[in-house]
Amino acid sequence: MRGTVPGLGIPYPIGGLLPAVYQEDFFAQRFTAGLDEVLAPVVSTLDCLDAYLDPALAPADFLDWLAGWLGLDLAEHLTPQRRRALLARACDLYRARGTAPGLREHLELVFGGRVEVTDTGGVVIGPLRPGQVPGGSAAGPALRVRIAPAVAVSPLLVEEFVARVKPAHVTHVVEVLQA
């Protein structure tokens, strides 16, 4: 929660910006000093706005807010370092969304460890060249995901995550290898 910060100054006190007649008025100076104290965190935040929008520098409680701007769902089990890495790579993840390498990278960022994503029936493995047609099978597109996460996670959690980030028309099989 943000609030007043004891001892935080304001670069341009309001009392010094008033006309000369009010700069000599004791009440006006005390009143504007109170405003300075309340406005100091706002001015400080605006002066440092770029740091709030940078995933590497943003306060930990702002990471979920940044993720909401980008449409990312940050799971509660993620450490702040992993959340920052995921936010920093968000644009690249969206660019590769729907491809096996994109899914693999997304899984590595969220769960860590080793991840293998294999096409078992016509999924686009990488970018297609003009005129190139993706392969396919009678069963339709399918993925096989094998993951050995860095920390023990519920297979159901991985299953739900894969179902959310893969293309909707692609079937999948998830195998979680616990350490």
C-alpha atoms as a PDB file:
ATOM      1  CA  MET A   1       0.000   0.000   0.000  1.00  0.00           C
ATOM      2  CA  ARG A   2       1.318   3.408  -0.923  1.00  0.00           C
ATOM      3  CA  GLY A   3       1.034   6.397   1.418  1.00  0.00           C
ATOM      4  CA  THR A   4       2.955   9.260   2.921  1.00  0.00           C
ATOM      5  CA  VAL A   5       6.642   8.735   3.461  1.00  0.00           C
ATOM      6  CA  PRO A   6       8.152  10.447   6.517  1.00  0.00           C
ATOM      7  CA  GLY A   7      10.867  12.915   5.535  1.00  0.00           C
ATOM      8  CA  LEU A   8      10.158  12.730   1.797  1.00  0.00           C
ATOM      9  CA  GLY A   9      10.536  16.192   0.344  1.00  0.00           C
ATOM     10  CA  ILE A  10       9.056  17.778  -2.724  1.00  0.00           C
ATOM     11  CA  PRO A  11      11.405  19.375  -5.288  1.00  0.00           C
ATOM     12  CA  TYR A  12       9.357  22.580  -5.595  1.00  0.00           C
ATOM     13  CA  PRO A  13       7.436  23.431  -2.421  1.00  0.00           C
ATOM     14  CA  ILE A  14       4.066  25.018  -3.175  1.00  0.00           C
ATOM     15  CA  GLY A  15       4.684  27.845  -0.676  1.00  0.00           C
ATOM     16  CA  GLY A  16       7.681  29.048  -2.717  1.00  0.00           C
ATOM     17  CA  LEU A  17       5.534  29.248  -5.851  1.00  0.00           C
ATOM     18  CA  LEU A  18       2.940  31.545  -4.294  1.00  0.00           C
ATOM     19  CA  PRO A  19       2.896  35.317  -4.887  1.00  0.00           C
ATOM     20  CA  ALA A  20       5.086  37.352  -2.501  1.00  0.00           C
ATOM     21  CA  VAL A  21       2.161  38.479  -0.374  1.00  0.00           C
ATOM     22  CA  TYR A  22       1.378  34.826   0.524  1.00  0.00           C
ATOM     23  CA  GLN A  23       5.016  33.863   0.978  1.00  0.00           C
ATOM     24  CA  GLU A  24       5.074  36.148   4.026  1.00  0.00           C
ATOM     25  CA  ASP A  25       1.783  34.754   5.383  1.00  0.00           C
ATOM     26  CA  PHE A  26       2.388  32.214   8.181  1.00  0.00           C
ATOM     27  CA  PHE A  27      -0.974  30.443   7.672  1.00  0.00           C
ATOM     28  CA  ALA A  28      -0.503  30.123   3.881  1.00  0.00           C
ATOM     29  CA  GLN A  29       2.978  28.666   4.338  1.00  0.00           C
ATOM     30  CA  ARG A  30       1.816  26.120   6.967  1.00  0.00           C
ATOM     31  CA  PHE A  31      -1.183  25.155   4.810  1.00  0.00           C
ATOM     32  CA  THR A  32       0.914  24.600   1.677  1.00  0.00           C
ATOM     33  CA  ALA A  33       3.541  22.703   3.720  1.00  0.00           C
ATOM     34  CA  GLY A  34       0.781  20.224   4.624  1.00  0.00           C
ATOM     35  CA  LEU A  35      -0.089  19.868   0.951  1.00  0.00           C
ATOM     36  CA  ASP A  36       3.580  19.332   0.134  1.00  0.00           C
ATOM     37  CA  GLU A  37       3.708  16.429   2.595  1.00  0.00           C
ATOM     38  CA  VAL A  38       0.657  14.776   1.042  1.00  0.00           C
ATOM     39  CA  LEU A  39       1.725  15.395  -2.568  1.00  0.00           C
ATOM     40  CA  ALA A  40       5.392  14.341  -2.118  1.00  0.00           C
ATOM     41  CA  PRO A  41       4.724  10.597  -2.766  1.00  0.00           C
ATOM     42  CA  VAL A  42       2.677  11.460  -5.876  1.00  0.00           C
ATOM     43  CA  VAL A  43       5.430  13.693  -7.278  1.00  0.00           C
ATOM     44  CA  SER A  44       8.063  11.078  -6.439  1.00  0.00           C
ATOM     45  CA  THR A  45       6.037   8.352  -8.181  1.00  0.00           C
ATOM     46  CA  LEU A  46       5.559  10.484 -11.290  1.00  0.00           C
ATOM     47  CA  ASP A  47       9.274  11.355 -11.346  1.00  0.00           C
ATOM     48  CA  CYS A  48      10.104   7.634 -11.252  1.00  0.00           C
ATOM     49  CA  LEU A  49       7.263   6.394 -13.474  1.00  0.00           C
ATOM     50  CA  ASP A  50       9.617   4.635 -15.892  1.00  0.00           C
ATOM     51  CA  ALA A  51      10.925   2.497 -13.012  1.00  0.00           C
ATOM     52  CA  TYR A  52       7.371   1.422 -12.157  1.00  0.00           C
ATOM     53  CA  LEU A  53       6.820   0.253 -15.740  1.00  0.00           C
ATOM     54  CA  ASP A  54      10.102  -1.684 -16.034  1.00  0.00           C
ATOM     55  CA  PRO A  55       9.674  -5.296 -14.817  1.00  0.00           C
ATOM     56  CA  ALA A  56      13.256  -5.371 -13.527  1.00  0.00           C
ATOM     57  CA  LEU A  57      12.778  -2.273 -11.348  1.00  0.00           C
ATOM     58  CA  ALA A  58       9.087  -2.217 -10.446  1.00  0.00           C
ATOM     59  CA  PRO A  59       8.081  -2.838  -6.831  1.00  0.00           C
ATOM     60  CA  ALA A  60       6.931  -6.420  -6.248  1.00  0.00           C
ATOM     61  CA  ASP A  61       3.325  -5.347  -5.605  1.00  0.00           C
ATOM     62  CA  PHE A  62       3.187  -3.693  -9.061  1.00  0.00           C
ATOM     63  CA  LEU A  63       4.096  -6.870 -10.968  1.00  0.00           C
ATOM     64  CA  ASP A  64       0.534  -8.222 -10.980  1.00  0.00           C
ATOM     65  CA  TRP A  65      -0.716  -4.827 -12.150  1.00  0.00           C
ATOM     66  CA  LEU A  66       1.779  -4.809 -15.034  1.00  0.00           C
ATOM     67  CA  ALA A  67       0.786  -8.366 -15.905  1.00  0.00           C
ATOM     68  CA  GLY A  68      -2.848  -7.279 -16.055  1.00  0.00           C
ATOM     69  CA  TRP A  69      -1.924  -4.611 -18.604  1.00  0.00           C
ATOM     70  CA  LEU A  70      -0.299  -7.277 -20.768  1.00  0.00           C
ATOM     71  CA  GLY A  71      -3.015  -9.880 -20.284  1.00  0.00           C
ATOM     72  CA  LEU A  72      -0.665 -12.274 -18.490  1.00  0.00           C
ATOM     73  CA  ASP A  73      -1.870 -14.511 -15.697  1.00  0.00           C
ATOM     74  CA  LEU A  74       0.871 -14.675 -13.062  1.00  0.00           C
ATOM     75  CA  ALA A  75       0.371 -17.802 -10.999  1.00  0.00           C
ATOM     76  CA  GLU A  76       0.669 -17.435  -7.242  1.00  0.00           C
ATOM     77  CA  HIS A  77       3.461 -20.014  -7.018  1.00  0.00           C
ATOM     78  CA  LEU A  78       5.847 -17.866  -9.072  1.00  0.00           C
ATOM     79  CA  THR A  79       8.732 -16.174  -7.282  1.00  0.00           C
ATOM     80  CA  PRO A  80       9.224 -12.439  -7.869  1.00  0.00           C
ATOM     81  CA  GLN A  81      12.311 -13.182 -10.018  1.00  0.00           C
ATOM     82  CA  ARG A  82      10.319 -15.572 -12.220  1.00  0.00           C
ATOM     83  CA  ARG A  83       7.461 -13.043 -12.451  1.00  0.00           C
ATOM     84  CA  ARG A  84       9.915 -10.364 -13.587  1.00  0.00           C
ATOM     85  CA  ALA A  85      11.430 -12.679 -16.216  1.00  0.00           C
ATOM     86  CA  LEU A  86       7.980 -13.591 -17.529  1.00  0.00           C
ATOM     87  CA  LEU A  87       6.958  -9.930 -17.801  1.00  0.00           C
ATOM     88  CA  ALA A  88      10.228  -9.014 -19.527  1.00  0.00           C
ATOM     89  CA  ARG A  89       9.663 -11.715 -22.172  1.00  0.00           C
ATOM     90  CA  ALA A  90       5.901 -11.099 -22.597  1.00  0.00           C
ATOM     91  CA  CYS A  91       6.139  -9.474 -26.045  1.00  0.00           C
ATOM     92  CA  ASP A  92       8.307 -12.293 -27.404  1.00  0.00           C
ATOM     93  CA  LEU A  93       5.950 -14.878 -25.889  1.00  0.00           C
ATOM     94  CA  TYR A  94       2.960 -13.286 -27.620  1.00  0.00           C
ATOM     95  CA  ARG A  95       4.882 -13.179 -30.899  1.00  0.00           C
ATOM     96  CA  ALA A  96       5.538 -16.943 -30.662  1.00  0.00           C
ATOM     97  CA  ARG A  97       2.096 -17.798 -29.252  1.00  0.00           C
ATOM     98  CA  GLY A  98       0.544 -20.862 -30.863  1.00  0.00           C
ATOM     99  CA  THR A  99       3.885 -22.417 -31.825  1.00  0.00           C
ATOM    100  CA  ALA A 100       5.668 -25.282 -30.111  1.00  0.00           C
ATOM    101  CA  PRO A 101       8.808 -23.181 -29.371  1.00  0.00           C
ATOM    102  CA  GLY A 102       6.611 -20.454 -27.882  1.00  0.00           C
ATOM    103  CA  LEU A 103       4.828 -22.966 -25.652  1.00  0.00           C
ATOM    104  CA  ARG A 104       8.162 -24.481 -24.598  1.00  0.00           C
ATOM    105  CA  GLU A 105       9.620 -21.087 -23.665  1.00  0.00           C
ATOM    106  CA  HIS A 106       6.465 -20.103 -21.782  1.00  0.00           C
ATOM    107  CA  LEU A 107       6.555 -23.346 -19.786  1.00  0.00           C
ATOM    108  CA  GLU A 108      10.264 -22.876 -19.025  1.00  0.00           C
ATOM    109  CA  LEU A 109       9.650 -19.356 -17.734  1.00  0.00           C
ATOM    110  CA  VAL A 110       6.719 -20.387 -15.544  1.00  0.00           C
ATOM    111  CA  PHE A 111       7.871 -23.765 -14.198  1.00  0.00           C
ATOM    112  CA  GLY A 112      11.618 -23.868 -14.869  1.00  0.00           C
ATOM    113  CA  GLY A 113      13.443 -27.125 -15.466  1.00  0.00           C
ATOM    114  CA  ARG A 114      13.498 -29.046 -18.745  1.00  0.00           C
ATOM    115  CA  VAL A 115      10.629 -28.900 -21.208  1.00  0.00           C
ATOM    116  CA  GLU A 116      10.101 -30.883 -24.406  1.00  0.00           C
ATOM    117  CA  VAL A 117       7.251 -30.038 -26.759  1.00  0.00           C
ATOM    118  CA  THR A 118       6.794 -32.359 -29.717  1.00  0.00           C
ATOM    119  CA  ASP A 119       4.342 -32.226 -32.579  1.00  0.00           C
ATOM    120  CA  THR A 120       2.420 -35.468 -32.886  1.00  0.00           C
ATOM    121  CA  GLY A 121       0.081 -34.437 -35.649  1.00  0.00           C
ATOM    122  CA  GLY A 122       0.371 -31.248 -37.657  1.00  0.00           C
ATOM    123  CA  VAL A 123       1.093 -28.425 -35.240  1.00  0.00           C
ATOM    124  CA  VAL A 124       3.092 -25.509 -36.567  1.00  0.00           C
ATOM    125  CA  ILE A 125       6.550 -26.029 -35.042  1.00  0.00           C
ATOM    126  CA  GLY A 126       7.952 -22.717 -36.223  1.00  0.00           C
ATOM    127  CA  PRO A 127       7.175 -19.872 -38.567  1.00  0.00           C
ATOM    128  CA  LEU A 128       6.028 -20.956 -42.004  1.00  0.00           C
ATOM    129  CA  ARG A 129       7.568 -19.625 -45.184  1.00  0.00           C
ATOM    130  CA  PRO A 130       5.277 -18.078 -47.797  1.00  0.00           C
ATOM    131  CA  GLY A 131       3.429 -20.837 -49.665  1.00  0.00           C
ATOM    132  CA  GLN A 132       4.431 -23.512 -47.128  1.00  0.00           C
ATOM    133  CA  VAL A 133       1.556 -25.626 -45.797  1.00  0.00           C
ATOM    134  CA  PRO A 134       1.729 -27.061 -42.263  1.00  0.00           C
ATOM    135  CA  GLY A 135       1.762 -30.841 -42.028  1.00  0.00           C
ATOM    136  CA  GLY A 136      -1.218 -32.657 -40.652  1.00  0.00           C
ATOM    137  CA  SER A 137      -2.736 -35.984 -39.833  1.00  0.00           C
ATOM    138  CA  ALA A 138      -6.212 -37.485 -39.897  1.00  0.00           C
ATOM    139  CA  ALA A 139      -6.401 -37.202 -36.101  1.00  0.00           C
ATOM    140  CA  GLY A 140      -5.755 -33.460 -36.286  1.00  0.00           C
ATOM    141  CA  PRO A 141      -3.108 -31.336 -34.642  1.00  0.00           C
ATOM    142  CA  ALA A 142      -1.736 -32.572 -31.325  1.00  0.00           C
ATOM    143  CA  LEU A 143       1.078 -31.788 -28.903  1.00  0.00           C
ATOM    144  CA  ARG A 144       3.009 -33.910 -26.459  1.00  0.00           C
ATOM    145  CA  VAL A 145       4.492 -31.959 -23.552  1.00  0.00           C
ATOM    146  CA  ARG A 146       7.093 -33.517 -21.252  1.00  0.00           C
ATOM    147  CA  ILE A 147       8.233 -31.348 -18.378  1.00  0.00           C
ATOM    148  CA  ALA A 148      10.646 -31.882 -15.517  1.00  0.00           C
ATOM    149  CA  PRO A 149       9.952 -28.743 -13.442  1.00  0.00           C
ATOM    150  CA  ALA A 150      12.609 -27.161 -11.246  1.00  0.00           C
ATOM    151  CA  VAL A 151      10.362 -27.546  -8.188  1.00  0.00           C
ATOM    152  CA  ALA A 152       7.603 -30.051  -7.499  1.00  0.00           C
ATOM    153  CA  VAL A 153       4.296 -28.884  -8.987  1.00  0.00           C
ATOM    154  CA  SER A 154       0.904 -30.444  -9.352  1.00  0.00           C
ATOM    155  CA  PRO A 155       0.418 -32.196 -12.712  1.00  0.00           C
ATOM    156  CA  LEU A 156      -3.073 -30.671 -12.782  1.00  0.00           C
ATOM    157  CA  LEU A 157      -1.535 -27.178 -12.578  1.00  0.00           C
ATOM    158  CA  VAL A 158       0.689 -27.904 -15.591  1.00  0.00           C
ATOM    159  CA  GLU A 159      -2.226 -29.461 -17.477  1.00  0.00           C
ATOM    160  CA  GLU A 160      -4.416 -26.393 -16.899  1.00  0.00           C
ATOM    161  CA  PHE A 161      -1.597 -24.062 -17.914  1.00  0.00           C
ATOM    162  CA  VAL A 162      -0.937 -25.914 -21.178  1.00  0.00           C
ATOM    163  CA  ALA A 163      -4.662 -25.926 -21.957  1.00  0.00           C
ATOM    164  CA  ARG A 164      -4.764 -22.125 -21.496  1.00  0.00           C
ATOM    165  CA  VAL A 165      -1.759 -21.205 -23.664  1.00  0.00           C
ATOM    166  CA  LYS A 166      -1.956 -23.701 -26.528  1.00  0.00           C
ATOM    167  CA  PRO A 167      -4.218 -23.149 -29.536  1.00  0.00           C
ATOM    168  CA  ALA A 168      -7.782 -24.213 -28.742  1.00  0.00           C
ATOM    169  CA  HIS A 169      -8.086 -26.650 -31.660  1.00  0.00           C
ATOM    170  CA  VAL A 170      -4.945 -28.586 -30.692  1.00  0.00           C
ATOM    171  CA  THR A 171      -5.221 -31.636 -28.461  1.00  0.00           C
ATOM    172  CA  HIS A 172      -2.431 -32.269 -25.992  1.00  0.00           C
ATOM    173  CA  VAL A 173      -0.913 -34.814 -23.659  1.00  0.00           C
ATOM    174  CA  VAL A 174       1.094 -33.635 -20.657  1.00  0.00           C
ATOM    175  CA  GLU A 175       3.652 -35.741 -18.819  1.00  0.00           C
ATOM    176  CA  VAL A 176       5.116 -34.259 -15.646  1.00  0.00           C
ATOM    177  CA  LEU A 177       8.362 -35.851 -14.477  1.00  0.00           C
ATOM    178  CA  GLN A 178       8.873 -35.139 -10.783  1.00  0.00           C
ATOM    179  CA  ALA A 179      12.432 -34.979  -9.460  1.00  0.00           C
END
